[in-house]
Amino acid sequence: QARLVESGGGLVQAGGSLRLTCQVSGRIFSGYIMSWFRQAPGKEREFVAGIRWEGESTSYRDSVKGRFTISRDSAKNAVYLYMDSLKPEDTAVYYCATGTPRILEDTRQYITWGQGTQVTVSS
């Protein structure tokens, strides 16, 4: 089973940028989806972006379209989330997850999760 480790979080001012990395160890099957979720204090975990482990198809939640970009590097076994024009409402713990979800936003359909990385955006 794969293991996921996130990194790259931190404190940034509004309008700034961060790049999150999800380092994958173990095997990811070709049909798997790699997704980023986030969870703010007192709120449910929400889908941010997803990408196929093999392929270019991507998906984003509306509030991050045009600001966030998900990509993956199969040779490095890593998935990235580039976050630009950050807003205070982007503050959350960001998680990487993988599985074969029929509904990308459904956390129950993911089989492996990382431990999360904190992103804090100050106003």
C-alpha atoms as a PDB file:
ATOM      1  CA  GLN A   1       0.000   0.000   0.000  1.00  0.00           C
ATOM      2  CA  ALA A   2       1.215   3.489  -0.794  1.00  0.00           C
ATOM      3  CA  ARG A   3       2.321   5.977   1.840  1.00  0.00           C
ATOM      4  CA  LEU A   4       1.812   9.715   1.365  1.00  0.00           C
ATOM      5  CA  VAL A   5       3.805  12.483   3.026  1.00  0.00           C
ATOM      6  CA  GLU A   6       2.897  16.149   2.549  1.00  0.00           C
ATOM      7  CA  SER A   7       5.278  19.073   2.885  1.00  0.00           C
ATOM      8  CA  GLY A   8       5.582  22.715   1.887  1.00  0.00           C
ATOM      9  CA  GLY A   9       3.030  24.323   4.147  1.00  0.00           C
ATOM     10  CA  GLY A  10       3.726  27.474   6.093  1.00  0.00           C
ATOM     11  CA  LEU A  11       2.707  31.035   6.880  1.00  0.00           C
ATOM     12  CA  VAL A  12       2.227  33.404   3.960  1.00  0.00           C
ATOM     13  CA  GLN A  13       0.636  36.797   3.470  1.00  0.00           C
ATOM     14  CA  ALA A  14      -2.508  37.216   1.420  1.00  0.00           C
ATOM     15  CA  GLY A  15      -1.635  37.352  -2.255  1.00  0.00           C
ATOM     16  CA  GLY A  16       1.390  35.142  -1.769  1.00  0.00           C
ATOM     17  CA  SER A  17       2.206  31.689  -3.116  1.00  0.00           C
ATOM     18  CA  LEU A  18       3.106  28.262  -1.804  1.00  0.00           C
ATOM     19  CA  ARG A  19       3.893  24.901  -3.366  1.00  0.00           C
ATOM     20  CA  LEU A  20       2.787  21.785  -1.547  1.00  0.00           C
ATOM     21  CA  THR A  21       4.383  18.439  -2.248  1.00  0.00           C
ATOM     22  CA  CYS A  22       2.898  15.000  -1.714  1.00  0.00           C
ATOM     23  CA  GLN A  23       5.701  12.457  -1.756  1.00  0.00           C
ATOM     24  CA  VAL A  24       4.522   8.970  -2.598  1.00  0.00           C
ATOM     25  CA  SER A  25       6.222   5.779  -1.501  1.00  0.00           C
ATOM     26  CA  GLY A  26       4.993   2.368  -2.552  1.00  0.00           C
ATOM     27  CA  ARG A  27       2.874   1.520  -5.529  1.00  0.00           C
ATOM     28  CA  ILE A  28       0.192   3.689  -7.055  1.00  0.00           C
ATOM     29  CA  PHE A  29      -1.885   1.890  -9.639  1.00  0.00           C
ATOM     30  CA  SER A  30      -2.465   3.529 -12.985  1.00  0.00           C
ATOM     31  CA  GLY A  31      -6.172   4.049 -12.431  1.00  0.00           C
ATOM     32  CA  TYR A  32      -5.742   5.853  -9.134  1.00  0.00           C
ATOM     33  CA  ILE A  33      -6.633   9.461  -8.508  1.00  0.00           C
ATOM     34  CA  MET A  34      -4.374  11.728  -6.474  1.00  0.00           C
ATOM     35  CA  SER A  35      -6.235  14.514  -4.715  1.00  0.00           C
ATOM     36  CA  TRP A  36      -5.650  17.384  -2.352  1.00  0.00           C
ATOM     37  CA  PHE A  37      -8.158  18.102   0.389  1.00  0.00           C
ATOM     38  CA  ARG A  38      -8.152  20.741   3.103  1.00  0.00           C
ATOM     39  CA  GLN A  39      -9.753  21.124   6.489  1.00  0.00           C
ATOM     40  CA  ALA A  40     -10.147  24.392   8.348  1.00  0.00           C
ATOM     41  CA  PRO A  41     -10.858  24.470  12.093  1.00  0.00           C
ATOM     42  CA  GLY A  42     -14.455  23.584  12.812  1.00  0.00           C
ATOM     43  CA  LYS A  43     -15.188  22.709   9.200  1.00  0.00           C
ATOM     44  CA  GLU A  44     -15.481  19.512   7.214  1.00  0.00           C
ATOM     45  CA  ARG A  45     -12.679  18.284   5.035  1.00  0.00           C
ATOM     46  CA  GLU A  46     -13.210  19.524   1.482  1.00  0.00           C
ATOM     47  CA  PHE A  47     -11.907  18.567  -1.927  1.00  0.00           C
ATOM     48  CA  VAL A  48      -9.456  21.034  -3.470  1.00  0.00           C
ATOM     49  CA  ALA A  49      -8.024  19.418  -6.605  1.00  0.00           C
ATOM     50  CA  GLY A  50      -7.457  16.026  -8.183  1.00  0.00           C
ATOM     51  CA  ILE A  51      -5.386  14.471 -10.952  1.00  0.00           C
ATOM     52  CA  ARG A  52      -5.033  11.008 -12.423  1.00  0.00           C
ATOM     53  CA  TRP A  53      -1.805   9.241 -11.520  1.00  0.00           C
ATOM     54  CA  GLU A  54      -1.437   8.446 -15.208  1.00  0.00           C
ATOM     55  CA  GLY A  55      -2.967  11.038 -17.469  1.00  0.00           C
ATOM     56  CA  GLU A  56      -3.574  14.757 -17.560  1.00  0.00           C
ATOM     57  CA  SER A  57      -7.160  15.019 -16.421  1.00  0.00           C
ATOM     58  CA  THR A  58      -7.560  17.463 -13.523  1.00  0.00           C
ATOM     59  CA  SER A  59     -10.405  18.786 -11.439  1.00  0.00           C
ATOM     60  CA  TYR A  60     -10.699  21.752  -9.048  1.00  0.00           C
ATOM     61  CA  ARG A  61     -13.190  23.148  -6.607  1.00  0.00           C
ATOM     62  CA  ASP A  62     -14.645  26.397  -7.912  1.00  0.00           C
ATOM     63  CA  SER A  63     -13.095  28.637  -5.280  1.00  0.00           C
ATOM     64  CA  VAL A  64      -9.518  27.736  -6.299  1.00  0.00           C
ATOM     65  CA  LYS A  65      -9.892  27.636 -10.077  1.00  0.00           C
ATOM     66  CA  GLY A  66      -7.424  29.980 -11.706  1.00  0.00           C
ATOM     67  CA  ARG A  67      -5.348  30.214  -8.514  1.00  0.00           C
ATOM     68  CA  PHE A  68      -4.297  26.629  -7.746  1.00  0.00           C
ATOM     69  CA  THR A  69      -2.669  24.119 -10.083  1.00  0.00           C
ATOM     70  CA  ILE A  70      -2.250  20.408  -9.425  1.00  0.00           C
ATOM     71  CA  SER A  71       0.440  18.427 -11.194  1.00  0.00           C
ATOM     72  CA  ARG A  72       2.321  15.184 -10.753  1.00  0.00           C
ATOM     73  CA  ASP A  73       5.768  13.891 -11.569  1.00  0.00           C
ATOM     74  CA  SER A  74       5.642  10.133 -11.932  1.00  0.00           C
ATOM     75  CA  ALA A  75       9.426   9.866 -12.176  1.00  0.00           C
ATOM     76  CA  LYS A  76       9.760  11.538  -8.773  1.00  0.00           C
ATOM     77  CA  ASN A  77       6.664   9.849  -7.335  1.00  0.00           C
ATOM     78  CA  ALA A  78       5.268  13.193  -6.306  1.00  0.00           C
ATOM     79  CA  VAL A  79       2.149  15.290  -6.656  1.00  0.00           C
ATOM     80  CA  TYR A  80       2.238  19.051  -6.298  1.00  0.00           C
ATOM     81  CA  LEU A  81      -0.249  21.773  -5.513  1.00  0.00           C
ATOM     82  CA  TYR A  82       0.818  25.220  -6.646  1.00  0.00           C
ATOM     83  CA  MET A  83      -1.172  27.858  -4.816  1.00  0.00           C
ATOM     84  CA  ASP A  84      -1.128  31.457  -6.020  1.00  0.00           C
ATOM     85  CA  SER A  85      -3.049  34.555  -4.943  1.00  0.00           C
ATOM     86  CA  LEU A  86      -3.669  32.995  -1.562  1.00  0.00           C
ATOM     87  CA  LYS A  87      -6.505  34.285   0.577  1.00  0.00           C
ATOM     88  CA  PRO A  88      -7.093  34.056   4.334  1.00  0.00           C
ATOM     89  CA  GLU A  89      -9.962  31.663   3.612  1.00  0.00           C
ATOM     90  CA  ASP A  90      -7.428  29.216   2.149  1.00  0.00           C
ATOM     91  CA  THR A  91      -6.063  28.687   5.664  1.00  0.00           C
ATOM     92  CA  ALA A  92      -6.372  25.001   6.530  1.00  0.00           C
ATOM     93  CA  VAL A  93      -4.529  21.750   6.958  1.00  0.00           C
ATOM     94  CA  TYR A  94      -3.948  20.352   3.473  1.00  0.00           C
ATOM     95  CA  TYR A  95      -4.036  16.608   2.928  1.00  0.00           C
ATOM     96  CA  CYS A  96      -2.992  14.396   0.046  1.00  0.00           C
ATOM     97  CA  ALA A  97      -5.105  11.330  -0.654  1.00  0.00           C
ATOM     98  CA  THR A  98      -5.333   8.546  -3.190  1.00  0.00           C
ATOM     99  CA  GLY A  99      -7.840   5.967  -4.301  1.00  0.00           C
ATOM    100  CA  THR A 100     -10.350   5.231  -7.004  1.00  0.00           C
ATOM    101  CA  PRO A 101     -13.208   7.514  -6.050  1.00  0.00           C
ATOM    102  CA  ARG A 102     -16.304   7.651  -8.196  1.00  0.00           C
ATOM    103  CA  ILE A 103     -17.049  11.004  -6.618  1.00  0.00           C
ATOM    104  CA  LEU A 104     -13.904  13.058  -6.198  1.00  0.00           C
ATOM    105  CA  GLU A 105     -15.299  15.078  -3.300  1.00  0.00           C
ATOM    106  CA  ASP A 106     -16.235  12.038  -1.203  1.00  0.00           C
ATOM    107  CA  THR A 107     -13.526  11.511   1.413  1.00  0.00           C
ATOM    108  CA  ARG A 108     -14.855   8.014   2.181  1.00  0.00           C
ATOM    109  CA  GLN A 109     -13.807   6.784  -1.239  1.00  0.00           C
ATOM    110  CA  TYR A 110     -10.109   7.431  -0.694  1.00  0.00           C
ATOM    111  CA  ILE A 111      -8.020   4.620   0.753  1.00  0.00           C
ATOM    112  CA  THR A 112      -4.781   6.324   1.742  1.00  0.00           C
ATOM    113  CA  TRP A 113      -4.175   9.715   3.363  1.00  0.00           C
ATOM    114  CA  GLY A 114      -1.142  11.692   4.360  1.00  0.00           C
ATOM    115  CA  GLN A 115      -0.715  13.362   7.739  1.00  0.00           C
ATOM    116  CA  GLY A 116      -1.372  16.878   6.426  1.00  0.00           C
ATOM    117  CA  THR A 117       0.537  20.135   6.227  1.00  0.00           C
ATOM    118  CA  GLN A 118      -0.633  23.446   7.701  1.00  0.00           C
ATOM    119  CA  VAL A 119      -1.165  26.435   5.440  1.00  0.00           C
ATOM    120  CA  THR A 120      -1.850  29.771   7.120  1.00  0.00           C
ATOM    121  CA  VAL A 121      -2.632  32.884   5.109  1.00  0.00           C
ATOM    122  CA  SER A 122      -2.502  36.163   6.992  1.00  0.00           C
ATOM    123  CA  SER A 123      -4.495  39.200   5.925  1.00  0.00           C
END
